[in-house]
All heavy atoms as atom14 arrays in JSON, in Angstrom:
{
  "sequence": "CMDTKTASEMFENTSSVCGHMYCSDCIRGHVAA",
  "atom14_mask": [
    [1, 1, 1, 1, 1, 1, 0, 0, 0, 0, 0, 0, 0, 0],
    [1, 1, 1, 1, 1, 1, 1, 1, 0, 0, 0, 0, 0, 0],
    [1, 1, 1, 1, 1, 1, 1, 1, 0, 0, 0, 0, 0, 0],
    [1, 1, 1, 1, 1, 1, 1, 0, 0, 0, 0, 0, 0, 0],
    [1, 1, 1, 1, 1, 1, 1, 1, 1, 0, 0, 0, 0, 0],
    [1, 1, 1, 1, 1, 1, 1, 0, 0, 0, 0, 0, 0, 0],
    [1, 1, 1, 1, 1, 0, 0, 0, 0, 0, 0, 0, 0, 0],
    [1, 1, 1, 1, 1, 1, 0, 0, 0, 0, 0, 0, 0, 0],
    [1, 1, 1, 1, 1, 1, 1, 1, 1, 0, 0, 0, 0, 0],
    [1, 1, 1, 1, 1, 1, 1, 1, 0, 0, 0, 0, 0, 0],
    [1, 1, 1, 1, 1, 1, 1, 1, 1, 1, 1, 0, 0, 0],
    [1, 1, 1, 1, 1, 1, 1, 1, 1, 0, 0, 0, 0, 0],
    [1, 1, 1, 1, 1, 1, 1, 1, 0, 0, 0, 0, 0, 0],
    [1, 1, 1, 1, 1, 1, 1, 0, 0, 0, 0, 0, 0, 0],
    [1, 1, 1, 1, 1, 1, 0, 0, 0, 0, 0, 0, 0, 0],
    [1, 1, 1, 1, 1, 1, 0, 0, 0, 0, 0, 0, 0, 0],
    [1, 1, 1, 1, 1, 1, 1, 0, 0, 0, 0, 0, 0, 0],
    [1, 1, 1, 1, 1, 1, 0, 0, 0, 0, 0, 0, 0, 0],
    [1, 1, 1, 1, 0, 0, 0, 0, 0, 0, 0, 0, 0, 0],
    [1, 1, 1, 1, 1, 1, 1, 1, 1, 1, 0, 0, 0, 0],
    [1, 1, 1, 1, 1, 1, 1, 1, 0, 0, 0, 0, 0, 0],
    [1, 1, 1, 1, 1, 1, 1, 1, 1, 1, 1, 1, 0, 0],
    [1, 1, 1, 1, 1, 1, 0, 0, 0, 0, 0, 0, 0, 0],
    [1, 1, 1, 1, 1, 1, 0, 0, 0, 0, 0, 0, 0, 0],
    [1, 1, 1, 1, 1, 1, 1, 1, 0, 0, 0, 0, 0, 0],
    [1, 1, 1, 1, 1, 1, 0, 0, 0, 0, 0, 0, 0, 0],
    [1, 1, 1, 1, 1, 1, 1, 1, 0, 0, 0, 0, 0, 0],
    [1, 1, 1, 1, 1, 1, 1, 1, 1, 1, 1, 0, 0, 0],
    [1, 1, 1, 1, 0, 0, 0, 0, 0, 0, 0, 0, 0, 0],
    [1, 1, 1, 1, 1, 1, 1, 1, 1, 1, 0, 0, 0, 0],
    [1, 1, 1, 1, 1, 1, 1, 0, 0, 0, 0, 0, 0, 0],
    [1, 1, 1, 1, 1, 0, 0, 0, 0, 0, 0, 0, 0, 0],
    [1, 1, 1, 1, 1, 0, 0, 0, 0, 0, 0, 0, 0, 0]
  ],
  "atom14_positions": [
    [[108.24, 98.88, 68.52], [107.11, 98.86, 67.59], [107.35, 97.9, 66.43], [106.46, 97.71, 65.6], [106.82, 100.26, 67.06], [108.17, 100.99, 66.09], [0.0, 0.0, 0.0], [0.0, 0.0, 0.0], [0.0, 0.0, 0.0], [0.0, 0.0, 0.0], [0.0, 0.0, 0.0], [0.0, 0.0, 0.0], [0.0, 0.0, 0.0], [0.0, 0.0, 0.0]],
    [[108.55, 97.31, 66.35], [108.9, 96.35, 65.3], [108.72, 96.93, 63.9], [108.23, 96.26, 62.99], [108.04, 95.06, 65.43], [108.2, 94.35, 66.75], [109.89, 93.79, 67.03], [109.77, 93.05, 68.66], [0.0, 0.0, 0.0], [0.0, 0.0, 0.0], [0.0, 0.0, 0.0], [0.0, 0.0, 0.0], [0.0, 0.0, 0.0], [0.0, 0.0, 0.0]],
    [[109.11, 98.18, 63.75], [108.95, 98.85, 62.46], [110.3, 99.4, 62.02], [111.19, 99.66, 62.83], [107.93, 99.98, 62.58], [107.4, 100.43, 61.22], [107.79, 99.82, 60.21], [106.59, 101.38, 61.18], [0.0, 0.0, 0.0], [0.0, 0.0, 0.0], [0.0, 0.0, 0.0], [0.0, 0.0, 0.0], [0.0, 0.0, 0.0], [0.0, 0.0, 0.0]],
    [[110.44, 99.58, 60.7], [111.66, 100.16, 60.14], [111.5, 101.67, 60.07], [110.52, 102.17, 59.51], [111.94, 99.59, 58.74], [112.07, 98.16, 58.85], [113.22, 100.17, 58.18], [0.0, 0.0, 0.0], [0.0, 0.0, 0.0], [0.0, 0.0, 0.0], [0.0, 0.0, 0.0], [0.0, 0.0, 0.0], [0.0, 0.0, 0.0], [0.0, 0.0, 0.0]],
    [[112.46, 102.39, 60.63], [112.4, 103.85, 60.7], [113.62, 104.44, 60.01], [114.66, 103.8, 59.89], [112.36, 104.31, 62.16], [111.18, 103.77, 62.97], [109.88, 104.43, 62.58], [108.74, 103.97, 63.5], [107.48, 104.67, 63.2], [0.0, 0.0, 0.0], [0.0, 0.0, 0.0], [0.0, 0.0, 0.0], [0.0, 0.0, 0.0], [0.0, 0.0, 0.0]],
    [[113.46, 105.7, 59.59], [114.59, 106.41, 59.02], [115.51, 106.89, 60.14], [115.14, 106.87, 61.32], [114.11, 107.61, 58.19], [113.39, 108.52, 59.05], [113.2, 107.17, 57.06], [0.0, 0.0, 0.0], [0.0, 0.0, 0.0], [0.0, 0.0, 0.0], [0.0, 0.0, 0.0], [0.0, 0.0, 0.0], [0.0, 0.0, 0.0], [0.0, 0.0, 0.0]],
    [[116.69, 107.32, 59.76], [117.68, 107.76, 60.76], [117.16, 108.95, 61.55], [117.43, 109.07, 62.75], [118.99, 108.1, 60.06], [0.0, 0.0, 0.0], [0.0, 0.0, 0.0], [0.0, 0.0, 0.0], [0.0, 0.0, 0.0], [0.0, 0.0, 0.0], [0.0, 0.0, 0.0], [0.0, 0.0, 0.0], [0.0, 0.0, 0.0], [0.0, 0.0, 0.0]],
    [[116.41, 109.84, 60.91], [115.89, 111.02, 61.6], [114.78, 110.66, 62.59], [114.48, 111.45, 63.49], [115.35, 112.04, 60.59], [114.31, 111.47, 59.81], [0.0, 0.0, 0.0], [0.0, 0.0, 0.0], [0.0, 0.0, 0.0], [0.0, 0.0, 0.0], [0.0, 0.0, 0.0], [0.0, 0.0, 0.0], [0.0, 0.0, 0.0], [0.0, 0.0, 0.0]],
    [[114.16, 109.49, 62.45], [113.09, 109.07, 63.35], [113.6, 108.26, 64.53], [112.82, 107.9, 65.41], [112.06, 108.23, 62.58], [111.3, 108.99, 61.51], [110.37, 108.1, 60.71], [110.82, 107.01, 60.28], [109.21, 108.49, 60.51], [0.0, 0.0, 0.0], [0.0, 0.0, 0.0], [0.0, 0.0, 0.0], [0.0, 0.0, 0.0], [0.0, 0.0, 0.0]],
    [[114.88, 107.96, 64.58], [115.45, 107.15, 65.66], [115.93, 108.03, 66.8], [116.33, 109.18, 66.6], [116.6, 106.3, 65.13], [116.18, 105.3, 64.05], [114.93, 104.13, 64.61], [115.89, 103.17, 65.8], [0.0, 0.0, 0.0], [0.0, 0.0, 0.0], [0.0, 0.0, 0.0], [0.0, 0.0, 0.0], [0.0, 0.0, 0.0], [0.0, 0.0, 0.0]],
    [[115.87, 107.48, 68.02], [116.28, 108.19, 69.22], [117.75, 107.91, 69.5], [118.19, 106.76, 69.47], [115.43, 107.75, 70.41], [115.95, 108.24, 71.75], [115.84, 109.57, 72.1], [116.55, 107.36, 72.63], [116.31, 110.01, 73.33], [117.02, 107.79, 73.85], [116.9, 109.12, 74.2], [0.0, 0.0, 0.0], [0.0, 0.0, 0.0], [0.0, 0.0, 0.0]],
    [[118.49, 108.96, 69.75], [119.91, 108.82, 70.08], [120.1, 109.11, 71.56], [119.95, 110.24, 72.01], [120.75, 109.78, 69.24], [122.25, 109.65, 69.47], [123.05, 110.58, 68.6], [122.45, 111.32, 67.8], [124.29, 110.58, 68.73], [0.0, 0.0, 0.0], [0.0, 0.0, 0.0], [0.0, 0.0, 0.0], [0.0, 0.0, 0.0], [0.0, 0.0, 0.0]],
    [[120.41, 108.07, 72.33], [120.57, 108.2, 73.77], [121.99, 108.68, 74.09], [122.93, 107.9, 74.11], [120.29, 106.87, 74.46], [120.29, 106.99, 75.97], [120.31, 108.09, 76.51], [120.27, 105.87, 76.66], [0.0, 0.0, 0.0], [0.0, 0.0, 0.0], [0.0, 0.0, 0.0], [0.0, 0.0, 0.0], [0.0, 0.0, 0.0], [0.0, 0.0, 0.0]],
    [[122.12, 109.96, 74.33], [123.43, 110.53, 74.67], [123.77, 110.35, 76.14], [124.89, 110.64, 76.55], [123.45, 112.03, 74.33], [122.38, 112.7, 75.04], [123.26, 112.25, 72.83], [0.0, 0.0, 0.0], [0.0, 0.0, 0.0], [0.0, 0.0, 0.0], [0.0, 0.0, 0.0], [0.0, 0.0, 0.0], [0.0, 0.0, 0.0], [0.0, 0.0, 0.0]],
    [[122.81, 109.86, 76.95], [123.05, 109.68, 78.39], [123.67, 108.32, 78.7], [124.12, 108.08, 79.8], [121.74, 109.83, 79.17], [121.15, 111.08, 78.92], [0.0, 0.0, 0.0], [0.0, 0.0, 0.0], [0.0, 0.0, 0.0], [0.0, 0.0, 0.0], [0.0, 0.0, 0.0], [0.0, 0.0, 0.0], [0.0, 0.0, 0.0], [0.0, 0.0, 0.0]],
    [[123.68, 107.42, 77.74], [124.19, 106.07, 77.97], [124.92, 105.59, 76.72], [124.75, 106.13, 75.64], [123.04, 105.12, 78.33], [123.52, 103.8, 78.5], [0.0, 0.0, 0.0], [0.0, 0.0, 0.0], [0.0, 0.0, 0.0], [0.0, 0.0, 0.0], [0.0, 0.0, 0.0], [0.0, 0.0, 0.0], [0.0, 0.0, 0.0], [0.0, 0.0, 0.0]],
    [[125.73, 104.56, 76.9], [126.49, 104.0, 75.77], [126.05, 102.57, 75.5], [126.81, 101.78, 74.96], [128.0, 104.04, 76.07], [128.5, 105.46, 76.1], [128.32, 103.33, 77.39], [0.0, 0.0, 0.0], [0.0, 0.0, 0.0], [0.0, 0.0, 0.0], [0.0, 0.0, 0.0], [0.0, 0.0, 0.0], [0.0, 0.0, 0.0], [0.0, 0.0, 0.0]],
    [[124.79, 102.24, 75.84], [124.32, 100.86, 75.64], [124.15, 100.54, 74.17], [124.28, 99.39, 73.77], [123.01, 100.64, 76.39], [121.62, 101.64, 75.79], [0.0, 0.0, 0.0], [0.0, 0.0, 0.0], [0.0, 0.0, 0.0], [0.0, 0.0, 0.0], [0.0, 0.0, 0.0], [0.0, 0.0, 0.0], [0.0, 0.0, 0.0], [0.0, 0.0, 0.0]],
    [[123.81, 101.51, 73.34], [123.72, 101.3, 71.9], [122.42, 100.71, 71.41], [122.29, 100.44, 70.22], [0.0, 0.0, 0.0], [0.0, 0.0, 0.0], [0.0, 0.0, 0.0], [0.0, 0.0, 0.0], [0.0, 0.0, 0.0], [0.0, 0.0, 0.0], [0.0, 0.0, 0.0], [0.0, 0.0, 0.0], [0.0, 0.0, 0.0], [0.0, 0.0, 0.0]],
    [[121.42, 100.5, 72.28], [120.15, 99.96, 71.82], [119.38, 101.04, 71.05], [119.31, 102.19, 71.48], [119.32, 99.46, 73.0], [119.92, 98.26, 73.67], [120.39, 98.29, 74.97], [120.16, 97.01, 73.21], [120.88, 97.1, 75.29], [120.75, 96.31, 74.23], [0.0, 0.0, 0.0], [0.0, 0.0, 0.0], [0.0, 0.0, 0.0], [0.0, 0.0, 0.0]],
    [[118.81, 100.62, 69.91], [118.16, 101.56, 69.01], [116.64, 101.43, 69.1], [116.09, 100.34, 68.95], [118.62, 101.3, 67.57], [120.11, 101.47, 67.36], [120.64, 103.18, 67.52], [119.88, 103.88, 66.06], [0.0, 0.0, 0.0], [0.0, 0.0, 0.0], [0.0, 0.0, 0.0], [0.0, 0.0, 0.0], [0.0, 0.0, 0.0], [0.0, 0.0, 0.0]],
    [[115.98, 102.56, 69.36], [114.52, 102.62, 69.37], [114.1, 103.94, 68.72], [114.85, 104.91, 68.72], [113.96, 102.55, 70.8], [114.37, 101.3, 71.54], [115.42, 101.32, 72.46], [113.71, 100.09, 71.31], [115.8, 100.17, 73.13], [114.09, 98.94, 71.99], [115.14, 98.99, 72.89], [115.52, 97.85, 73.55], [0.0, 0.0, 0.0], [0.0, 0.0, 0.0]],
    [[112.88, 103.96, 68.19], [112.41, 105.19, 67.54], [111.98, 106.21, 68.59], [111.69, 105.87, 69.74], [111.27, 104.88, 66.57], [109.72, 104.38, 67.35], [0.0, 0.0, 0.0], [0.0, 0.0, 0.0], [0.0, 0.0, 0.0], [0.0, 0.0, 0.0], [0.0, 0.0, 0.0], [0.0, 0.0, 0.0], [0.0, 0.0, 0.0], [0.0, 0.0, 0.0]],
    [[111.91, 107.46, 68.19], [111.6, 108.55, 69.11], [110.18, 108.43, 69.66], [109.93, 108.75, 70.83], [111.77, 109.9, 68.38], [113.1, 110.07, 67.97], [0.0, 0.0, 0.0], [0.0, 0.0, 0.0], [0.0, 0.0, 0.0], [0.0, 0.0, 0.0], [0.0, 0.0, 0.0], [0.0, 0.0, 0.0], [0.0, 0.0, 0.0], [0.0, 0.0, 0.0]],
    [[109.23, 107.95, 68.86], [107.86, 107.81, 69.33], [107.76, 106.81, 70.47], [107.07, 107.05, 71.47], [106.95, 107.37, 68.18], [106.8, 108.45, 67.11], [107.03, 109.63, 67.44], [106.48, 108.11, 65.96], [0.0, 0.0, 0.0], [0.0, 0.0, 0.0], [0.0, 0.0, 0.0], [0.0, 0.0, 0.0], [0.0, 0.0, 0.0], [0.0, 0.0, 0.0]],
    [[108.44, 105.69, 70.36], [108.39, 104.67, 71.41], [109.1, 105.14, 72.68], [108.64, 104.88, 73.8], [109.01, 103.38, 70.91], [108.03, 102.55, 69.62], [0.0, 0.0, 0.0], [0.0, 0.0, 0.0], [0.0, 0.0, 0.0], [0.0, 0.0, 0.0], [0.0, 0.0, 0.0], [0.0, 0.0, 0.0], [0.0, 0.0, 0.0], [0.0, 0.0, 0.0]],
    [[110.22, 105.83, 72.54], [110.93, 106.36, 73.71], [110.09, 107.42, 74.41], [110.06, 107.49, 75.65], [112.3, 106.93, 73.3], [113.23, 105.8, 72.85], [112.94, 107.71, 74.43], [113.59, 104.82, 73.94], [0.0, 0.0, 0.0], [0.0, 0.0, 0.0], [0.0, 0.0, 0.0], [0.0, 0.0, 0.0], [0.0, 0.0, 0.0], [0.0, 0.0, 0.0]],
    [[109.38, 108.23, 73.63], [108.51, 109.26, 74.22], [107.44, 108.61, 75.1], [107.19, 109.05, 76.23], [107.86, 110.09, 73.12], [107.0, 111.25, 73.65], [106.29, 111.97, 72.53], [107.22, 112.51, 71.56], [107.37, 112.06, 70.33], [106.64, 111.04, 69.9], [108.24, 112.63, 69.51], [0.0, 0.0, 0.0], [0.0, 0.0, 0.0], [0.0, 0.0, 0.0]],
    [[106.8, 107.56, 74.62], [105.79, 106.87, 75.42], [106.39, 106.14, 76.62], [105.78, 106.11, 77.69], [0.0, 0.0, 0.0], [0.0, 0.0, 0.0], [0.0, 0.0, 0.0], [0.0, 0.0, 0.0], [0.0, 0.0, 0.0], [0.0, 0.0, 0.0], [0.0, 0.0, 0.0], [0.0, 0.0, 0.0], [0.0, 0.0, 0.0], [0.0, 0.0, 0.0]],
    [[107.57, 105.57, 76.44], [108.25, 104.87, 77.54], [108.59, 105.82, 78.68], [108.32, 105.53, 79.86], [109.52, 104.2, 77.01], [110.4, 103.61, 78.05], [110.05, 102.49, 78.78], [111.63, 104.0, 78.52], [111.02, 102.19, 79.64], [111.99, 103.09, 79.5], [0.0, 0.0, 0.0], [0.0, 0.0, 0.0], [0.0, 0.0, 0.0], [0.0, 0.0, 0.0]],
    [[109.13, 106.98, 78.34], [109.5, 107.96, 79.36], [108.26, 108.51, 80.07], [108.24, 108.64, 81.3], [110.31, 109.1, 78.72], [110.49, 110.25, 79.71], [111.67, 108.59, 78.26], [0.0, 0.0, 0.0], [0.0, 0.0, 0.0], [0.0, 0.0, 0.0], [0.0, 0.0, 0.0], [0.0, 0.0, 0.0], [0.0, 0.0, 0.0], [0.0, 0.0, 0.0]],
    [[107.21, 108.83, 79.31], [105.99, 109.38, 79.91], [105.36, 108.4, 80.9], [104.87, 108.8, 81.96], [104.99, 109.74, 78.81], [0.0, 0.0, 0.0], [0.0, 0.0, 0.0], [0.0, 0.0, 0.0], [0.0, 0.0, 0.0], [0.0, 0.0, 0.0], [0.0, 0.0, 0.0], [0.0, 0.0, 0.0], [0.0, 0.0, 0.0], [0.0, 0.0, 0.0]],
    [[105.38, 107.1, 80.57], [104.82, 106.09, 81.47], [105.62, 105.99, 82.77], [105.04, 105.86, 83.85], [104.77, 104.74, 80.76], [0.0, 0.0, 0.0], [0.0, 0.0, 0.0], [0.0, 0.0, 0.0], [0.0, 0.0, 0.0], [0.0, 0.0, 0.0], [0.0, 0.0, 0.0], [0.0, 0.0, 0.0], [0.0, 0.0, 0.0], [0.0, 0.0, 0.0]]
  ]
}
């Protein structure tokens, strides 16, 4: 979304160690699609 988010709004991927940071809203839409 190209937006600045707080730490609580970011998604933490515990299933992988890739380290890419995305917000929870964008990950929610990505997974649903």
